[in-house]
C-alpha atoms as a PDB file:
ATOM      1  CA  PHE A   1      34.324  19.307   5.936  1.00  0.00           C
ATOM      2  CA  LEU A   2      36.778  22.054   6.030  1.00  0.00           C
ATOM      3  CA  ALA A   3      39.588  22.375   8.447  1.00  0.00           C
ATOM      4  CA  ALA A   4      41.605  25.636   8.741  1.00  0.00           C
ATOM      5  CA  LEU A   5      45.447  25.458   9.103  1.00  0.00           C
ATOM      6  CA  PRO A   6      46.432  27.089  12.107  1.00  0.00           C
ATOM      7  CA  CYS A   7      48.185  30.413  11.091  1.00  0.00           C
ATOM      8  CA  LYS A   8      51.207  32.095  12.992  1.00  0.00           C
ATOM      9  CA  ALA A   9      52.285  35.698  12.711  1.00  0.00           C
ATOM     10  CA  LEU A  10      55.411  37.508  13.881  1.00  0.00           C
ATOM     11  CA  VAL A  11      55.881  41.284  14.014  1.00  0.00           C
ATOM     12  CA  PHE A  12      59.120  43.124  13.441  1.00  0.00           C
ATOM     13  CA  CYS A  13      60.391  46.781  13.372  1.00  0.00           C
ATOM     14  CA  LEU A  14      62.601  48.440  10.865  1.00  0.00           C
ATOM     15  CA  SER A  15      64.199  50.894  13.425  1.00  0.00           C
ATOM     16  CA  ASN A  16      65.947  53.125  10.862  1.00  0.00           C
ATOM     17  CA  MET A  17      65.609  53.868   7.133  1.00  0.00           C
ATOM     18  CA  ASN A  18      69.377  54.403   6.876  1.00  0.00           C
ATOM     19  CA  VAL A  19      71.400  51.977   4.794  1.00  0.00           C
ATOM     20  CA  PRO A  20      71.644  49.186   6.018  1.00  0.00           C
ATOM     21  CA  VAL A  21      68.415  48.837   8.053  1.00  0.00           C
ATOM     22  CA  PRO A  22      68.265  45.983  10.584  1.00  0.00           C
ATOM     23  CA  VAL A  23      65.033  44.129  10.972  1.00  0.00           C
ATOM     24  CA  LEU A  24      64.276  43.416  14.587  1.00  0.00           C
ATOM     25  CA  THR A  25      61.752  41.290  16.460  1.00  0.00           C
ATOM     26  CA  LEU A  26      59.939  43.208  19.104  1.00  0.00           C
ATOM     27  CA  ALA A  27      62.336  41.459  21.531  1.00  0.00           C
ATOM     28  CA  GLY A  28      65.273  43.084  19.870  1.00  0.00           C
ATOM     29  CA  THR A  29      66.597  40.099  18.023  1.00  0.00           C
ATOM     30  CA  ILE A  30      68.012  40.833  14.609  1.00  0.00           C
ATOM     31  CA  VAL A  31      66.715  38.566  11.932  1.00  0.00           C
ATOM     32  CA  THR A  32      68.107  40.104   8.747  1.00  0.00           C
ATOM     33  CA  THR A  33      69.347  43.574   7.521  1.00  0.00           C
ATOM     34  CA  LEU A  34      67.739  45.293   4.634  1.00  0.00           C
ATOM     35  CA  ASP A  35      69.686  47.582   2.184  1.00  0.00           C
ATOM     36  CA  VAL A  36      66.982  50.273   2.026  1.00  0.00           C
ATOM     37  CA  VAL A  37      66.698  53.537   0.177  1.00  0.00           C
ATOM     38  CA  PRO A  38      63.349  55.689   0.470  1.00  0.00           C
ATOM     39  CA  SER A  39      62.277  54.588  -2.863  1.00  0.00           C
ATOM     40  CA  SER A  40      62.390  50.904  -2.062  1.00  0.00           C
ATOM     41  CA  LYS A  41      59.267  48.818  -2.189  1.00  0.00           C
ATOM     42  CA  LEU A  42      58.088  45.828  -0.414  1.00  0.00           C
ATOM     43  CA  GLU A  43      58.709  43.574  -3.506  1.00  0.00           C
ATOM     44  CA  ASP A  44      62.335  44.470  -3.274  1.00  0.00           C
ATOM     45  CA  PHE A  45      62.780  42.575   0.130  1.00  0.00           C
ATOM     46  CA  ARG A  46      59.896  40.031  -0.010  1.00  0.00           C
ATOM     47  CA  GLU A  47      62.177  37.020  -0.598  1.00  0.00           C
ATOM     48  CA  GLN A  48      64.839  38.295   1.955  1.00  0.00           C
ATOM     49  CA  LEU A  49      62.107  38.839   4.707  1.00  0.00           C
ATOM     50  CA  CYS A  50      60.567  35.323   4.009  1.00  0.00           C
ATOM     51  CA  GLU A  51      63.709  33.545   4.056  1.00  0.00           C
ATOM     52  CA  ALA A  52      64.688  35.091   7.367  1.00  0.00           C
ATOM     53  CA  VAL A  53      61.262  34.648   8.992  1.00  0.00           C
ATOM     54  CA  GLY A  54      60.159  31.207   7.660  1.00  0.00           C
ATOM     55  CA  PRO A  55      62.162  29.349  10.428  1.00  0.00           C
ATOM     56  CA  ARG A  56      60.615  31.486  13.125  1.00  0.00           C
ATOM     57  CA  LEU A  57      57.312  30.236  11.877  1.00  0.00           C
ATOM     58  CA  GLY A  58      58.204  26.607  12.567  1.00  0.00           C
ATOM     59  CA  ASN A  59      58.516  25.984   8.813  1.00  0.00           C
ATOM     60  CA  VAL A  60      54.822  25.732   8.652  1.00  0.00           C
ATOM     61  CA  THR A  61      54.846  26.511   4.866  1.00  0.00           C
ATOM     62  CA  GLY A  62      57.519  27.251   2.248  1.00  0.00           C
ATOM     63  CA  ALA A  63      58.759  30.731   1.685  1.00  0.00           C
ATOM     64  CA  ALA A  64      56.652  31.099  -1.308  1.00  0.00           C
ATOM     65  CA  ASP A  65      53.581  30.891   0.821  1.00  0.00           C
ATOM     66  CA  LEU A  66      54.590  33.633   3.322  1.00  0.00           C
ATOM     67  CA  ARG A  67      53.074  37.058   3.092  1.00  0.00           C
ATOM     68  CA  PRO A  68      55.044  40.050   4.344  1.00  0.00           C
ATOM     69  CA  ARG A  69      52.999  43.261   5.013  1.00  0.00           C
ATOM     70  CA  LEU A  70      54.475  46.689   5.771  1.00  0.00           C
ATOM     71  CA  PHE A  71      52.838  49.344   7.932  1.00  0.00           C
ATOM     72  CA  HIS A  72      53.709  52.969   8.487  1.00  0.00           C
ATOM     73  CA  CYS A  73      51.882  55.377  10.809  1.00  0.00           C
ATOM     74  CA  GLY A  74      48.994  52.890  11.202  1.00  0.00           C
ATOM     75  CA  GLY A  75      48.511  52.491   7.390  1.00  0.00           C
ATOM     76  CA  GLU A  76      49.477  49.531   5.258  1.00  0.00           C
ATOM     77  CA  LEU A  77      52.079  50.046   2.303  1.00  0.00           C
ATOM     78  CA  LEU A  78      50.452  48.556  -0.620  1.00  0.00           C
ATOM     79  CA  PRO A  79      52.427  46.387  -3.186  1.00  0.00           C
ATOM     80  CA  GLY A  80      54.297  48.466  -5.853  1.00  0.00           C
ATOM     81  CA  LEU A  81      54.159  51.642  -3.804  1.00  0.00           C
ATOM     82  CA  PRO A  82      57.567  53.295  -3.304  1.00  0.00           C
ATOM     83  CA  PHE A  83      58.345  53.910   0.257  1.00  0.00           C
ATOM     84  CA  ILE A  84      58.944  57.732  -0.474  1.00  0.00           C
ATOM     85  CA  SER A  85      55.411  57.971  -1.807  1.00  0.00           C
ATOM     86  CA  ALA A  86      54.064  57.192   1.547  1.00  0.00           C
ATOM     87  CA  GLY A  87      56.220  59.920   3.180  1.00  0.00           C
ATOM     88  CA  ILE A  88      58.742  57.611   4.345  1.00  0.00           C
ATOM     89  CA  ARG A  89      62.332  59.060   4.735  1.00  0.00           C
ATOM     90  CA  ALA A  90      65.469  58.120   6.393  1.00  0.00           C
ATOM     91  CA  GLY A  91      64.623  57.194   9.964  1.00  0.00           C
ATOM     92  CA  SER A  92      60.979  56.619   9.300  1.00  0.00           C
ATOM     93  CA  PRO A  93      59.908  53.648  11.519  1.00  0.00           C
ATOM     94  CA  LEU A  94      58.246  50.772   9.820  1.00  0.00           C
ATOM     95  CA  THR A  95      56.477  47.571  11.038  1.00  0.00           C
ATOM     96  CA  VAL A  96      56.472  44.414   8.995  1.00  0.00           C
ATOM     97  CA  VAL A  97      54.093  41.666   9.847  1.00  0.00           C
ATOM     98  CA  VAL A  98      54.966  38.190   8.178  1.00  0.00           C
ATOM     99  CA  SER A  99      52.431  35.224   8.346  1.00  0.00           C
ATOM    100  CA  ALA A 100      51.970  32.050   6.788  1.00  0.00           C
ATOM    101  CA  ALA A 101      49.336  31.998   4.086  1.00  0.00           C
ATOM    102  CA  SER A 102      46.172  30.129   5.080  1.00  0.00           C
ATOM    103  CA  ARG A 103      45.427  26.730   3.661  1.00  0.00           C
ATOM    104  CA  VAL A 104      42.376  24.520   4.157  1.00  0.00           C
ATOM    105  CA  VAL A 105      41.722  20.849   3.606  1.00  0.00           C
ATOM    106  CA  SER A 106      38.705  19.060   2.457  1.00  0.00           C
ATOM    107  CA  ALA A 107      37.453  15.557   2.477  1.00  0.00           C
ATOM    108  CA  SER A 108      35.249  14.008  -0.287  1.00  0.00           C
ATOM    109  CA  SER A 109      33.095  10.895  -1.105  1.00  0.00           C
ATOM    110  CA  ASP A 110      35.539  10.389  -4.252  1.00  0.00           C
ATOM    111  CA  GLY A 111      38.104   8.970  -2.046  1.00  0.00           C
ATOM    112  CA  THR A 112      40.289  11.952  -1.794  1.00  0.00           C
ATOM    113  CA  ALA A 113      41.063  14.774   0.463  1.00  0.00           C
ATOM    114  CA  LYS A 114      42.543  18.078  -1.102  1.00  0.00           C
ATOM    115  CA  ILE A 115      44.575  20.958   0.201  1.00  0.00           C
ATOM    116  CA  TRP A 116      43.488  24.391  -1.200  1.00  0.00           C
ATOM    117  CA  ASN A 117      44.730  28.092  -1.186  1.00  0.00           C
ATOM    118  CA  PRO A 118      41.524  29.788  -0.068  1.00  0.00           C
ATOM    119  CA  GLU A 119      42.666  33.159  -1.374  1.00  0.00           C
ATOM    120  CA  THR A 120      43.107  31.920  -4.962  1.00  0.00           C
ATOM    121  CA  GLY A 121      40.985  28.694  -4.995  1.00  0.00           C
ATOM    122  CA  ASP A 122      43.883  26.655  -6.373  1.00  0.00           C
ATOM    123  CA  CYS A 123      44.197  23.112  -5.409  1.00  0.00           C
ATOM    124  CA  LEU A 124      47.843  22.662  -3.892  1.00  0.00           C
ATOM    125  CA  GLN A 125      47.666  18.822  -3.233  1.00  0.00           C
ATOM    126  CA  THR A 126      45.327  15.959  -3.879  1.00  0.00           C
ATOM    127  CA  LEU A 127      45.777  13.159  -1.174  1.00  0.00           C
ATOM    128  CA  GLY A 128      44.539   9.756  -2.546  1.00  0.00           C
ATOM    129  CA  VAL A 129      43.420   8.502  -5.733  1.00  0.00           C
ATOM    130  CA  VAL A 130      40.222   9.977  -7.415  1.00  0.00           C
ATOM    131  CA  GLY A 131      37.599   7.283  -8.230  1.00  0.00           C
ATOM    132  CA  TRP A 132      38.331   4.664  -5.669  1.00  0.00           C
ATOM    133  CA  GLU A 133      35.551   1.939  -5.637  1.00  0.00           C
ATOM    134  CA  ARG A 134      32.737   2.713  -3.609  1.00  0.00           C
ATOM    135  CA  ARG A 135      31.108  -0.631  -3.431  1.00  0.00           C
ATOM    136  CA  ALA A 136      30.747  -2.208  -0.091  1.00  0.00           C
ATOM    137  CA  THR A 137      33.122  -5.339   0.387  1.00  0.00           C
ATOM    138  CA  VAL A 138      34.136  -7.672   3.241  1.00  0.00           C
ATOM    139  CA  GLN A 139      37.843  -8.215   3.577  1.00  0.00           C
ATOM    140  CA  GLY A 140      39.162 -10.201   6.500  1.00  0.00           C
ATOM    141  CA  GLY A 141      35.999  -9.996   8.356  1.00  0.00           C
ATOM    142  CA  ALA A 142      35.983  -6.258   8.270  1.00  0.00           C
ATOM    143  CA  LEU A 143      33.203  -4.487   6.517  1.00  0.00           C
ATOM    144  CA  LYS A 144      34.753  -2.064   4.017  1.00  0.00           C
ATOM    145  CA  ALA A 145      31.869   0.103   2.854  1.00  0.00           C
ATOM    146  CA  GLY A 146      33.735   2.094   0.092  1.00  0.00           C
ATOM    147  CA  ARG A 147      36.559   4.470   0.387  1.00  0.00           C
ATOM    148  CA  GLU A 148      34.898   7.749   1.006  1.00  0.00           C
ATOM    149  CA  VAL A 149      37.115  10.166   3.077  1.00  0.00           C
ATOM    150  CA  ILE A 150      34.696  11.626   5.870  1.00  0.00           C
ATOM    151  CA  SER A 151      37.349  13.880   7.649  1.00  0.00           C
ATOM    152  CA  ALA A 152      40.652  15.525   7.174  1.00  0.00           C
ATOM    153  CA  ALA A 153      42.587  17.891   9.473  1.00  0.00           C
ATOM    154  CA  PHE A 154      45.868  19.513   9.564  1.00  0.00           C
ATOM    155  CA  SER A 155      48.369  18.708  12.393  1.00  0.00           C
ATOM    156  CA  PRO A 156      49.164  21.529  14.827  1.00  0.00           C
ATOM    157  CA  ASP A 157      52.285  22.494  13.031  1.00  0.00           C
ATOM    158  CA  GLY A 158      50.688  22.243   9.602  1.00  0.00           C
ATOM    159  CA  LYS A 159      53.131  19.626   8.248  1.00  0.00           C
ATOM    160  CA  SER A 160      50.781  16.629   8.119  1.00  0.00           C
ATOM    161  CA  VAL A 161      47.147  15.905   7.350  1.00  0.00           C
ATOM    162  CA  LEU A 162      45.146  13.090   9.118  1.00  0.00           C
ATOM    163  CA  SER A 163      42.394  11.710   7.126  1.00  0.00           C
ATOM    164  CA  ALA A 164      39.708   9.289   8.082  1.00  0.00           C
ATOM    165  CA  SER A 165      37.719   6.960   5.678  1.00  0.00           C
ATOM    166  CA  VAL A 166      34.780   4.638   5.682  1.00  0.00           C
ATOM    167  CA  ASP A 167      37.222   1.810   4.477  1.00  0.00           C
ATOM    168  CA  CYS A 168      38.224   1.389   8.282  1.00  0.00           C
ATOM    169  CA  THR A 169      41.424   3.261   8.001  1.00  0.00           C
ATOM    170  CA  ALA A 170      42.896   6.476   8.886  1.00  0.00           C
ATOM    171  CA  LYS A 171      46.020   7.961   6.918  1.00  0.00           C
ATOM    172  CA  THR A 172      48.699  10.482   7.636  1.00  0.00           C
ATOM    173  CA  TRP A 173      49.988  12.451   4.639  1.00  0.00           C
ATOM    174  CA  ASN A 174      52.963  14.963   3.996  1.00  0.00           C
ATOM    175  CA  ALA A 175      51.086  18.315   3.530  1.00  0.00           C
ATOM    176  CA  GLN A 176      53.820  19.734   1.410  1.00  0.00           C
ATOM    177  CA  SER A 177      54.543  16.698  -0.938  1.00  0.00           C
ATOM    178  CA  GLY A 178      51.165  14.915  -0.730  1.00  0.00           C
ATOM    179  CA  GLU A 179      52.852  11.700  -0.132  1.00  0.00           C
ATOM    180  CA  LEU A 180      51.145   8.924   2.038  1.00  0.00           C
ATOM    181  CA  VAL A 181      53.147   8.580   5.407  1.00  0.00           C
ATOM    182  CA  HIS A 182      51.110   5.878   7.292  1.00  0.00           C
ATOM    183  CA  THR A 183      47.938   4.043   7.073  1.00  0.00           C
ATOM    184  CA  LEU A 184      46.501   3.437  10.466  1.00  0.00           C
ATOM    185  CA  SER A 185      44.864   0.037  10.177  1.00  0.00           C
ATOM    186  CA  GLY A 186      43.080  -1.950  12.965  1.00  0.00           C
ATOM    187  CA  HIS A 187      39.383  -0.905  13.094  1.00  0.00           C
ATOM    188  CA  ARG A 188      36.727  -3.463  12.006  1.00  0.00           C
ATOM    189  CA  ARG A 189      34.118  -0.905  10.751  1.00  0.00           C
ATOM    190  CA  ARG A 190      33.924   2.473   9.217  1.00  0.00           C
ATOM    191  CA  LEU A 191      35.542   5.338  10.886  1.00  0.00           C
ATOM    192  CA  ARG A 192      33.666   8.448  12.090  1.00  0.00           C
ATOM    193  CA  SER A 193      36.451  10.837  12.921  1.00  0.00           C
ATOM    194  CA  ALA A 194      40.148  11.157  13.461  1.00  0.00           C
ATOM    195  CA  ALA A 195      41.932  14.090  15.321  1.00  0.00           C
ATOM    196  CA  PHE A 196      45.551  14.988  16.272  1.00  0.00           C
ATOM    197  CA  SER A 197      46.835  15.427  19.911  1.00  0.00           C
ATOM    198  CA  PRO A 198      47.697  19.056  20.706  1.00  0.00           C
ATOM    199  CA  ASP A 199      51.450  18.319  20.146  1.00  0.00           C
ATOM    200  CA  GLY A 200      50.792  16.227  16.951  1.00  0.00           C
ATOM    201  CA  ALA A 201      52.612  13.133  18.244  1.00  0.00           C
ATOM    202  CA  LEU A 202      49.444  11.130  18.583  1.00  0.00           C
ATOM    203  CA  ALA A 203      46.150  10.751  16.720  1.00  0.00           C
ATOM    204  CA  VAL A 204      42.750   9.243  17.943  1.00  0.00           C
ATOM    205  CA  THR A 205      40.164   7.631  15.678  1.00  0.00           C
ATOM    206  CA  ALA A 206      36.523   6.760  16.391  1.00  0.00           C
ATOM    207  CA  SER A 207      34.755   3.990  14.700  1.00  0.00           C
ATOM    208  CA  ASP A 208      31.393   2.025  14.182  1.00  0.00           C
ATOM    209  CA  ASP A 209      33.144  -1.059  15.732  1.00  0.00           C
ATOM    210  CA  LEU A 210      32.392   0.401  19.136  1.00  0.00           C
ATOM    211  CA  THR A 211      35.950   1.422  19.906  1.00  0.00           C
ATOM    212  CA  ALA A 212      38.190   4.534  19.636  1.00  0.00           C
ATOM    213  CA  LYS A 213      41.898   3.952  19.127  1.00  0.00           C
ATOM    214  CA  ILE A 214      45.088   6.010  19.990  1.00  0.00           C
ATOM    215  CA  TRP A 215      47.930   5.915  17.539  1.00  0.00           C
ATOM    216  CA  ASN A 216      51.495   7.020  17.422  1.00  0.00           C
ATOM    217  CA  VAL A 217      51.748   9.425  14.423  1.00  0.00           C
ATOM    218  CA  GLY A 218      55.462   8.865  13.821  1.00  0.00           C
ATOM    219  CA  SER A 219      55.478   4.981  13.594  1.00  0.00           C
ATOM    220  CA  GLY A 220      51.731   4.363  12.704  1.00  0.00           C
ATOM    221  CA  GLU A 221      51.481   2.135  15.541  1.00  0.00           C
ATOM    222  CA  CYS A 222      48.164   1.504  17.408  1.00  0.00           C
ATOM    223  CA  LEU A 223      49.080   2.309  21.244  1.00  0.00           C
ATOM    224  CA  HIS A 224      45.618   1.665  22.845  1.00  0.00           C
ATOM    225  CA  THR A 225      42.133   0.552  22.009  1.00  0.00           C
ATOM    226  CA  LEU A 226      39.474   2.376  24.039  1.00  0.00           C
ATOM    227  CA  GLN A 227      36.528   0.060  24.698  1.00  0.00           C
ATOM    228  CA  GLY A 228      33.325   0.388  26.691  1.00  0.00           C
ATOM    229  CA  HIS A 229      30.697   1.801  24.378  1.00  0.00           C
ATOM    230  CA  THR A 230      27.804  -0.517  23.134  1.00  0.00           C
ATOM    231  CA  MET A 231      27.102   1.346  19.959  1.00  0.00           C
ATOM    232  CA  ARG A 232      29.246   3.301  17.364  1.00  0.00           C
ATOM    233  CA  VAL A 233      31.561   5.944  18.535  1.00  0.00           C
ATOM    234  CA  ASN A 234      30.947   9.010  16.730  1.00  0.00           C
ATOM    235  CA  SER A 235      33.813  11.170  17.710  1.00  0.00           C
ATOM    236  CA  ALA A 236      36.931  11.197  19.819  1.00  0.00           C
ATOM    237  CA  VAL A 237      39.086  14.149  20.870  1.00  0.00           C
ATOM    238  CA  PHE A 238      42.080  14.819  22.969  1.00  0.00           C
ATOM    239  CA  SER A 239      41.906  17.313  26.120  1.00  0.00           C
ATOM    240  CA  PRO A 240      43.930  20.386  25.675  1.00  0.00           C
ATOM    241  CA  ASP A 241      46.908  19.054  27.659  1.00  0.00           C
ATOM    242  CA  GLY A 242      46.759  15.665  25.641  1.00  0.00           C
ATOM    243  CA  ALA A 243      46.451  13.630  28.806  1.00  0.00           C
ATOM    244  CA  THR A 244      42.830  12.553  28.327  1.00  0.00           C
ATOM    245  CA  VAL A 245      40.546  11.370  25.405  1.00  0.00           C
ATOM    246  CA  LEU A 246      36.796  12.207  25.309  1.00  0.00           C
ATOM    247  CA  THR A 247      34.647   9.937  23.396  1.00  0.00           C
ATOM    248  CA  ALA A 248      30.946  10.377  22.162  1.00  0.00           C
ATOM    249  CA  SER A 249      28.808   7.392  21.109  1.00  0.00           C
ATOM    250  CA  ALA A 250      25.210   6.621  19.940  1.00  0.00           C
ATOM    251  CA  ASP A 251      24.684   4.567  22.997  1.00  0.00           C
ATOM    252  CA  ASN A 252      23.580   7.808  24.772  1.00  0.00           C
END
């Protein structure tokens, strides 16, 4: 299972190559000012651009994960290329696009979810403990058939991960630190899916115990138990406005 982190991008214009150079949004808002000469390169301003633009991306990721790209006359300025080598002089208009680097999250039968950088293949965070026991057990009347993580997804703002497991629980994690935030406990059988609401404030889980549950992500509290199916609930999702939940079951 792979889920892609929602990626945001903002576009800015460098209106003049005079020193100093204001960096503007297309709406005309100045976000920072660059001290530019024609021989300047993208690397000279990467940190400054990322720090200025990061808050406008909703703090989806750290500044180190932002990717500024400069364009001139329809062509991209490659890293290490001096502005003057691309024919840029004082007054040459540039466009810079800054986006959050893509991340993906995977779920595994080893009892973990992992966050990855798909560009480098590096594992950024491991959520859970590798080697959790997979033997079926009965605890408090609930069948806990191992600890495999069967789904994982980012919240809409990318700050959290929601995982669902066959141990009858879902968990929310801090996507930056990898810390466990809440364990959503209450189902009596293995989970089949877990999903965030469009605003990220709620989560819905589907289970073999014939129910779906709606949870408060901030507190970990179960708000509603959705009953009516006569066989396992395979999936549950919110409508685009977050007002309705759709469930799918093996009961046809």
